[in-house]
Amino acid sequence: MPASTSTEEAPKSLAPDRRVPVPRRYARDTLEHYAFLFVGINTGLRPSSLRPLRRDGANADIKWREGILAVRRSPTMVVSL
């Protein structure tokens, strides 16, 4: 098993006091961008996995009452002729 390259002296993550806060302006001015950023940060999903998610409707990917986010869609390719 290879040795870890992360040590206590040089961790691979930021210390809590060095984190950059998410701008509150997103939450105030553009709520949809804040939600996109928040879900991406907390799930680790890439934007290409987040864009096709549906928040409401019969086939919604977010089950609000159950607290479930189903990542089951892929982005469609738009071809212009």
PDB file of N, CA and C in Angstrom:
ATOM      1  N   MET A   1       0.851  -1.180   0.000  1.00  0.00           N
ATOM      2  CA  MET A   1       0.000   0.000   0.000  1.00  0.00           C
ATOM      3  C   MET A   1       0.898   1.245   0.000  1.00  0.00           C
ATOM      4  N   PRO A   2       0.687   2.170  -0.943  1.00  0.00           N
ATOM      5  CA  PRO A   2       1.532   3.369  -1.005  1.00  0.00           C
ATOM      6  C   PRO A   2       1.275   4.301   0.170  1.00  0.00           C
ATOM      7  N   ALA A   3       2.304   5.001   0.559  1.00  0.00           N
ATOM      8  CA  ALA A   3       2.192   5.967   1.653  1.00  0.00           C
ATOM      9  C   ALA A   3       1.350   7.159   1.214  1.00  0.00           C
ATOM     10  N   SER A   4       0.643   7.734   2.156  1.00  0.00           N
ATOM     11  CA  SER A   4      -0.174   8.905   1.878  1.00  0.00           C
ATOM     12  C   SER A   4       0.713  10.140   1.694  1.00  0.00           C
ATOM     13  N   THR A   5       0.353  10.979   0.769  1.00  0.00           N
ATOM     14  CA  THR A   5       1.115  12.212   0.563  1.00  0.00           C
ATOM     15  C   THR A   5       0.580  13.349   1.408  1.00  0.00           C
ATOM     16  N   SER A   6      -0.476  13.088   2.164  1.00  0.00           N
ATOM     17  CA  SER A   6      -1.044  14.098   3.041  1.00  0.00           C
ATOM     18  C   SER A   6      -0.517  13.871   4.456  1.00  0.00           C
ATOM     19  N   THR A   7      -0.049  14.916   5.083  1.00  0.00           N
ATOM     20  CA  THR A   7       0.447  14.825   6.459  1.00  0.00           C
ATOM     21  C   THR A   7      -0.260  15.869   7.309  1.00  0.00           C
ATOM     22  N   GLU A   8      -0.056  15.780   8.613  1.00  0.00           N
ATOM     23  CA  GLU A   8      -0.652  16.787   9.504  1.00  0.00           C
ATOM     24  C   GLU A   8      -0.073  18.167   9.224  1.00  0.00           C
ATOM     25  N   GLU A   9       1.200  18.192   8.836  1.00  0.00           N
ATOM     26  CA  GLU A   9       1.862  19.465   8.557  1.00  0.00           C
ATOM     27  C   GLU A   9       1.406  20.058   7.226  1.00  0.00           C
ATOM     28  N   ALA A  10       1.047  19.197   6.282  1.00  0.00           N
ATOM     29  CA  ALA A  10       0.620  19.649   4.950  1.00  0.00           C
ATOM     30  C   ALA A  10      -0.637  18.892   4.520  1.00  0.00           C
ATOM     31  N   PRO A  11      -1.782  19.195   5.143  1.00  0.00           N
ATOM     32  CA  PRO A  11      -3.013  18.486   4.777  1.00  0.00           C
ATOM     33  C   PRO A  11      -3.508  18.898   3.388  1.00  0.00           C
ATOM     34  N   LYS A  12      -4.368  18.068   2.817  1.00  0.00           N
ATOM     35  CA  LYS A  12      -4.912  18.353   1.489  1.00  0.00           C
ATOM     36  C   LYS A  12      -6.224  19.134   1.564  1.00  0.00           C
ATOM     37  N   SER A  13      -6.576  19.606   2.710  1.00  0.00           N
ATOM     38  CA  SER A  13      -7.800  20.388   2.854  1.00  0.00           C
ATOM     39  C   SER A  13      -7.485  21.681   3.619  1.00  0.00           C
ATOM     40  N   LEU A  14      -8.380  22.634   3.473  1.00  0.00           N
ATOM     41  CA  LEU A  14      -8.197  23.908   4.161  1.00  0.00           C
ATOM     42  C   LEU A  14      -8.636  23.794   5.611  1.00  0.00           C
ATOM     43  N   ALA A  15      -7.943  24.476   6.466  1.00  0.00           N
ATOM     44  CA  ALA A  15      -8.356  24.559   7.856  1.00  0.00           C
ATOM     45  C   ALA A  15      -9.621  25.415   7.928  1.00  0.00           C
ATOM     46  N   PRO A  16     -10.468  25.187   8.924  1.00  0.00           N
ATOM     47  CA  PRO A  16     -11.715  25.959   9.009  1.00  0.00           C
ATOM     48  C   PRO A  16     -11.527  27.472   8.985  1.00  0.00           C
ATOM     49  N   ASP A  17     -10.447  27.964   9.560  1.00  0.00           N
ATOM     50  CA  ASP A  17     -10.228  29.409   9.571  1.00  0.00           C
ATOM     51  C   ASP A  17      -9.722  29.956   8.239  1.00  0.00           C
ATOM     52  N   ARG A  18      -9.375  29.083   7.277  1.00  0.00           N
ATOM     53  CA  ARG A  18      -8.879  29.527   5.974  1.00  0.00           C
ATOM     54  C   ARG A  18      -9.900  29.346   4.854  1.00  0.00           C
ATOM     55  N   ARG A  19     -11.076  28.839   5.184  1.00  0.00           N
ATOM     56  CA  ARG A  19     -12.109  28.649   4.164  1.00  0.00           C
ATOM     57  C   ARG A  19     -12.605  29.984   3.633  1.00  0.00           C
ATOM     58  N   VAL A  20     -12.999  29.971   2.380  1.00  0.00           N
ATOM     59  CA  VAL A  20     -13.553  31.172   1.753  1.00  0.00           C
ATOM     60  C   VAL A  20     -15.077  31.063   1.835  1.00  0.00           C
ATOM     61  N   PRO A  21     -15.740  32.025   2.447  1.00  0.00           N
ATOM     62  CA  PRO A  21     -17.200  31.935   2.563  1.00  0.00           C
ATOM     63  C   PRO A  21     -17.886  32.125   1.211  1.00  0.00           C
ATOM     64  N   VAL A  22     -19.008  31.458   1.042  1.00  0.00           N
ATOM     65  CA  VAL A  22     -19.810  31.626  -0.174  1.00  0.00           C
ATOM     66  C   VAL A  22     -20.418  33.018  -0.128  1.00  0.00           C
ATOM     67  N   PRO A  23     -20.299  33.772  -1.194  1.00  0.00           N
ATOM     68  CA  PRO A  23     -20.829  35.141  -1.180  1.00  0.00           C
ATOM     69  C   PRO A  23     -22.326  35.180  -0.877  1.00  0.00           C
ATOM     70  N   ARG A  24     -22.673  35.999   0.071  1.00  0.00           N
ATOM     71  CA  ARG A  24     -24.093  36.152   0.418  1.00  0.00           C
ATOM     72  C   ARG A  24     -24.870  36.849  -0.692  1.00  0.00           C
ATOM     73  N   ARG A  25     -24.127  37.503  -1.555  1.00  0.00           N
ATOM     74  CA  ARG A  25     -24.769  38.197  -2.669  1.00  0.00           C
ATOM     75  C   ARG A  25     -25.516  37.213  -3.574  1.00  0.00           C
ATOM     76  N   TYR A  26     -24.966  36.014  -3.755  1.00  0.00           N
ATOM     77  CA  TYR A  26     -25.655  34.998  -4.549  1.00  0.00           C
ATOM     78  C   TYR A  26     -27.020  34.692  -3.954  1.00  0.00           C
ATOM     79  N   ALA A  27     -27.071  34.528  -2.642  1.00  0.00           N
ATOM     80  CA  ALA A  27     -28.331  34.203  -1.980  1.00  0.00           C
ATOM     81  C   ALA A  27     -29.319  35.359  -2.082  1.00  0.00           C
ATOM     82  N   ARG A  28     -28.808  36.578  -2.045  1.00  0.00           N
ATOM     83  CA  ARG A  28     -29.675  37.746  -2.076  1.00  0.00           C
ATOM     84  C   ARG A  28     -30.136  38.092  -3.488  1.00  0.00           C
ATOM     85  N   ASP A  29     -29.199  38.091  -4.447  1.00  0.00           N
ATOM     86  CA  ASP A  29     -29.515  38.582  -5.790  1.00  0.00           C
ATOM     87  C   ASP A  29     -29.930  37.499  -6.780  1.00  0.00           C
ATOM     88  N   THR A  30     -29.260  36.375  -6.760  1.00  0.00           N
ATOM     89  CA  THR A  30     -29.547  35.324  -7.742  1.00  0.00           C
ATOM     90  C   THR A  30     -29.686  33.992  -7.022  1.00  0.00           C
ATOM     91  N   LEU A  31     -30.865  33.745  -6.503  1.00  0.00           N
ATOM     92  CA  LEU A  31     -31.112  32.553  -5.701  1.00  0.00           C
ATOM     93  C   LEU A  31     -30.856  31.267  -6.484  1.00  0.00           C
ATOM     94  N   GLU A  32     -31.172  31.241  -7.787  1.00  0.00           N
ATOM     95  CA  GLU A  32     -30.946  30.021  -8.560  1.00  0.00           C
ATOM     96  C   GLU A  32     -29.463  29.687  -8.671  1.00  0.00           C
ATOM     97  N   HIS A  33     -28.604  30.701  -8.744  1.00  0.00           N
ATOM     98  CA  HIS A  33     -27.169  30.442  -8.789  1.00  0.00           C
ATOM     99  C   HIS A  33     -26.658  29.972  -7.431  1.00  0.00           C
ATOM    100  N   TYR A  34     -27.205  30.529  -6.372  1.00  0.00           N
ATOM    101  CA  TYR A  34     -26.824  30.107  -5.027  1.00  0.00           C
ATOM    102  C   TYR A  34     -27.194  28.649  -4.808  1.00  0.00           C
ATOM    103  N   ALA A  35     -28.392  28.265  -5.211  1.00  0.00           N
ATOM    104  CA  ALA A  35     -28.834  26.876  -5.052  1.00  0.00           C
ATOM    105  C   ALA A  35     -27.945  25.933  -5.853  1.00  0.00           C
ATOM    106  N   PHE A  36     -27.600  26.301  -7.075  1.00  0.00           N
ATOM    107  CA  PHE A  36     -26.726  25.506  -7.937  1.00  0.00           C
ATOM    108  C   PHE A  36     -25.361  25.327  -7.272  1.00  0.00           C
ATOM    109  N   LEU A  37     -24.806  26.418  -6.765  1.00  0.00           N
ATOM    110  CA  LEU A  37     -23.509  26.401  -6.098  1.00  0.00           C
ATOM    111  C   LEU A  37     -23.566  25.578  -4.814  1.00  0.00           C
ATOM    112  N   PHE A  38     -24.606  25.763  -4.030  1.00  0.00           N
ATOM    113  CA  PHE A  38     -24.762  25.057  -2.763  1.00  0.00           C
ATOM    114  C   PHE A  38     -24.855  23.548  -2.971  1.00  0.00           C
ATOM    115  N   VAL A  39     -25.683  23.113  -3.913  1.00  0.00           N
ATOM    116  CA  VAL A  39     -25.826  21.676  -4.181  1.00  0.00           C
ATOM    117  C   VAL A  39     -24.527  21.103  -4.726  1.00  0.00           C
ATOM    118  N   GLY A  40     -23.871  21.825  -5.609  1.00  0.00           N
ATOM    119  CA  GLY A  40     -22.604  21.352  -6.163  1.00  0.00           C
ATOM    120  C   GLY A  40     -21.529  21.194  -5.113  1.00  0.00           C
ATOM    121  N   ILE A  41     -21.406  22.156  -4.228  1.00  0.00           N
ATOM    122  CA  ILE A  41     -20.396  22.091  -3.172  1.00  0.00           C
ATOM    123  C   ILE A  41     -20.682  20.946  -2.207  1.00  0.00           C
ATOM    124  N   ASN A  42     -21.940  20.773  -1.845  1.00  0.00           N
ATOM    125  CA  ASN A  42     -22.282  19.765  -0.844  1.00  0.00           C
ATOM    126  C   ASN A  42     -22.356  18.344  -1.377  1.00  0.00           C
ATOM    127  N   THR A  43     -22.543  18.173  -2.670  1.00  0.00           N
ATOM    128  CA  THR A  43     -22.603  16.827  -3.236  1.00  0.00           C
ATOM    129  C   THR A  43     -21.331  16.458  -3.991  1.00  0.00           C
ATOM    130  N   GLY A  44     -20.553  17.446  -4.394  1.00  0.00           N
ATOM    131  CA  GLY A  44     -19.362  17.171  -5.177  1.00  0.00           C
ATOM    132  C   GLY A  44     -19.661  16.926  -6.647  1.00  0.00           C
ATOM    133  N   LEU A  45     -20.896  17.187  -7.053  1.00  0.00           N
ATOM    134  CA  LEU A  45     -21.276  16.965  -8.447  1.00  0.00           C
ATOM    135  C   LEU A  45     -20.775  18.093  -9.335  1.00  0.00           C
ATOM    136  N   ARG A  46     -20.491  17.749 -10.554  1.00  0.00           N
ATOM    137  CA  ARG A  46     -20.056  18.745 -11.539  1.00  0.00           C
ATOM    138  C   ARG A  46     -21.270  19.456 -12.129  1.00  0.00           C
ATOM    139  N   PRO A  47     -21.062  20.641 -12.682  1.00  0.00           N
ATOM    140  CA  PRO A  47     -22.189  21.376 -13.275  1.00  0.00           C
ATOM    141  C   PRO A  47     -22.938  20.578 -14.339  1.00  0.00           C
ATOM    142  N   SER A  48     -22.233  19.751 -15.105  1.00  0.00           N
ATOM    143  CA  SER A  48     -22.905  18.967 -16.143  1.00  0.00           C
ATOM    144  C   SER A  48     -23.875  17.950 -15.557  1.00  0.00           C
ATOM    145  N   SER A  49     -23.677  17.548 -14.317  1.00  0.00           N
ATOM    146  CA  SER A  49     -24.610  16.637 -13.650  1.00  0.00           C
ATOM    147  C   SER A  49     -25.743  17.392 -12.968  1.00  0.00           C
ATOM    148  N   LEU A  50     -25.518  18.643 -12.639  1.00  0.00           N
ATOM    149  CA  LEU A  50     -26.527  19.436 -11.938  1.00  0.00           C
ATOM    150  C   LEU A  50     -27.523  20.105 -12.877  1.00  0.00           C
ATOM    151  N   ARG A  51     -27.056  20.538 -14.052  1.00  0.00           N
ATOM    152  CA  ARG A  51     -27.932  21.280 -14.971  1.00  0.00           C
ATOM    153  C   ARG A  51     -29.215  20.538 -15.350  1.00  0.00           C
ATOM    154  N   PRO A  52     -29.165  19.238 -15.642  1.00  0.00           N
ATOM    155  CA  PRO A  52     -30.396  18.573 -16.078  1.00  0.00           C
ATOM    156  C   PRO A  52     -31.368  18.214 -14.957  1.00  0.00           C
ATOM    157  N   LEU A  53     -31.036  18.465 -13.703  1.00  0.00           N
ATOM    158  CA  LEU A  53     -31.930  18.096 -12.608  1.00  0.00           C
ATOM    159  C   LEU A  53     -33.228  18.899 -12.665  1.00  0.00           C
ATOM    160  N   ARG A  54     -34.323  18.213 -12.354  1.00  0.00           N
ATOM    161  CA  ARG A  54     -35.647  18.869 -12.322  1.00  0.00           C
ATOM    162  C   ARG A  54     -36.109  18.967 -10.881  1.00  0.00           C
ATOM    163  N   ARG A  55     -36.582  20.169 -10.511  1.00  0.00           N
ATOM    164  CA  ARG A  55     -36.990  20.382  -9.122  1.00  0.00           C
ATOM    165  C   ARG A  55     -38.472  20.188  -8.874  1.00  0.00           C
ATOM    166  N   ASP A  56     -39.279  20.188  -9.924  1.00  0.00           N
ATOM    167  CA  ASP A  56     -40.713  19.961  -9.734  1.00  0.00           C
ATOM    168  C   ASP A  56     -41.285  19.223 -10.935  1.00  0.00           C
ATOM    169  N   GLY A  57     -42.562  18.889 -10.827  1.00  0.00           N
ATOM    170  CA  GLY A  57     -43.216  18.149 -11.900  1.00  0.00           C
ATOM    171  C   GLY A  57     -43.342  16.677 -11.559  1.00  0.00           C
ATOM    172  N   ALA A  58     -43.953  15.933 -12.477  1.00  0.00           N
ATOM    173  CA  ALA A  58     -44.209  14.507 -12.253  1.00  0.00           C
ATOM    174  C   ALA A  58     -42.918  13.696 -12.152  1.00  0.00           C
ATOM    175  N   ASN A  59     -41.889  14.088 -12.884  1.00  0.00           N
ATOM    176  CA  ASN A  59     -40.624  13.349 -12.888  1.00  0.00           C
ATOM    177  C   ASN A  59     -39.497  14.122 -12.198  1.00  0.00           C
ATOM    178  N   ALA A  60     -39.822  14.797 -11.125  1.00  0.00           N
ATOM    179  CA  ALA A  60     -38.828  15.612 -10.417  1.00  0.00           C
ATOM    180  C   ALA A  60     -37.706  14.746  -9.867  1.00  0.00           C
ATOM    181  N   ASP A  61     -36.485  15.269  -9.924  1.00  0.00           N
ATOM    182  CA  ASP A  61     -35.330  14.565  -9.376  1.00  0.00           C
ATOM    183  C   ASP A  61     -35.109  14.883  -7.899  1.00  0.00           C
ATOM    184  N   ILE A  62     -35.767  15.908  -7.418  1.00  0.00           N
ATOM    185  CA  ILE A  62     -35.675  16.271  -6.008  1.00  0.00           C
ATOM    186  C   ILE A  62     -36.992  15.914  -5.337  1.00  0.00           C
ATOM    187  N   LYS A  63     -36.914  15.030  -4.362  1.00  0.00           N
ATOM    188  CA  LYS A  63     -38.086  14.633  -3.571  1.00  0.00           C
ATOM    189  C   LYS A  63     -38.008  15.431  -2.273  1.00  0.00           C
ATOM    190  N   TRP A  64     -38.711  16.561  -2.252  1.00  0.00           N
ATOM    191  CA  TRP A  64     -38.598  17.505  -1.145  1.00  0.00           C
ATOM    192  C   TRP A  64     -39.004  16.901   0.194  1.00  0.00           C
ATOM    193  N   ARG A  65     -40.118  16.199   0.241  1.00  0.00           N
ATOM    194  CA  ARG A  65     -40.606  15.648   1.519  1.00  0.00           C
ATOM    195  C   ARG A  65     -39.709  14.543   2.054  1.00  0.00           C
ATOM    196  N   GLU A  66     -39.155  13.733   1.155  1.00  0.00           N
ATOM    197  CA  GLU A  66     -38.285  12.629   1.571  1.00  0.00           C
ATOM    198  C   GLU A  66     -36.839  13.066   1.771  1.00  0.00           C
ATOM    199  N   GLY A  67     -36.481  14.235   1.246  1.00  0.00           N
ATOM    200  CA  GLY A  67     -35.109  14.721   1.342  1.00  0.00           C
ATOM    201  C   GLY A  67     -34.157  13.949   0.442  1.00  0.00           C
ATOM    202  N   ILE A  68     -34.619  13.613  -0.771  1.00  0.00           N
ATOM    203  CA  ILE A  68     -33.822  12.802  -1.697  1.00  0.00           C
ATOM    204  C   ILE A  68     -33.515  13.598  -2.959  1.00  0.00           C
ATOM    205  N   LEU A  69     -32.275  13.497  -3.399  1.00  0.00           N
ATOM    206  CA  LEU A  69     -31.843  14.066  -4.672  1.00  0.00           C
ATOM    207  C   LEU A  69     -31.397  12.900  -5.540  1.00  0.00           C
ATOM    208  N   ALA A  70     -32.111  12.627  -6.610  1.00  0.00           N
ATOM    209  CA  ALA A  70     -31.783  11.524  -7.511  1.00  0.00           C
ATOM    210  C   ALA A  70     -31.022  12.074  -8.711  1.00  0.00           C
ATOM    211  N   VAL A  71     -29.774  11.663  -8.848  1.00  0.00           N
ATOM    212  CA  VAL A  71     -28.952  12.101  -9.967  1.00  0.00           C
ATOM    213  C   VAL A  71     -29.038  11.003 -11.013  1.00  0.00           C
ATOM    214  N   ARG A  72     -29.965  11.167 -11.950  1.00  0.00           N
ATOM    215  CA  ARG A  72     -30.224  10.112 -12.931  1.00  0.00           C
ATOM    216  C   ARG A  72     -30.337  10.624 -14.357  1.00  0.00           C
ATOM    217  N   ARG A  73     -30.067  11.869 -14.568  1.00  0.00           N
ATOM    218  CA  ARG A  73     -30.170  12.447 -15.905  1.00  0.00           C
ATOM    219  C   ARG A  73     -28.804  12.859 -16.413  1.00  0.00           C
ATOM    220  N   SER A  74     -28.707  12.917 -17.721  1.00  0.00           N
ATOM    221  CA  SER A  74     -27.479  13.431 -18.328  1.00  0.00           C
ATOM    222  C   SER A  74     -27.868  14.575 -19.245  1.00  0.00           C
ATOM    223  N   PRO A  75     -26.961  15.504 -19.475  1.00  0.00           N
ATOM    224  CA  PRO A  75     -27.300  16.633 -20.329  1.00  0.00           C
ATOM    225  C   PRO A  75     -27.528  16.166 -21.777  1.00  0.00           C
ATOM    226  N   THR A  76     -28.454  16.811 -22.410  1.00  0.00           N
ATOM    227  CA  THR A  76     -28.709  16.486 -23.809  1.00  0.00           C
ATOM    228  C   THR A  76     -27.845  17.361 -24.697  1.00  0.00           C
ATOM    229  N   MET A  77     -27.520  16.854 -25.828  1.00  0.00           N
ATOM    230  CA  MET A  77     -26.677  17.600 -26.762  1.00  0.00           C
ATOM    231  C   MET A  77     -27.561  18.367 -27.731  1.00  0.00           C
ATOM    232  N   VAL A  78     -27.328  19.634 -27.888  1.00  0.00           N
ATOM    233  CA  VAL A  78     -28.093  20.468 -28.788  1.00  0.00           C
ATOM    234  C   VAL A  78     -27.283  20.621 -30.085  1.00  0.00           C
ATOM    235  N   VAL A  79     -27.893  20.216 -31.178  1.00  0.00           N
ATOM    236  CA  VAL A  79     -27.216  20.307 -32.457  1.00  0.00           C
ATOM    237  C   VAL A  79     -27.932  21.347 -33.288  1.00  0.00           C
ATOM    238  N   SER A  80     -27.209  22.348 -33.749  1.00  0.00           N
ATOM    239  CA  SER A  80     -27.820  23.357 -34.590  1.00  0.00           C
ATOM    240  C   SER A  80     -27.448  23.060 -36.056  1.00  0.00           C
ATOM    241  N   LEU A  81     -28.423  23.155 -36.890  1.00  0.00           N
ATOM    242  CA  LEU A  81     -28.210  22.870 -38.323  1.00  0.00           C
ATOM    243  C   LEU A  81     -28.056  24.124 -39.122  1.00  0.00           C
TER     244      LEU A  81
END
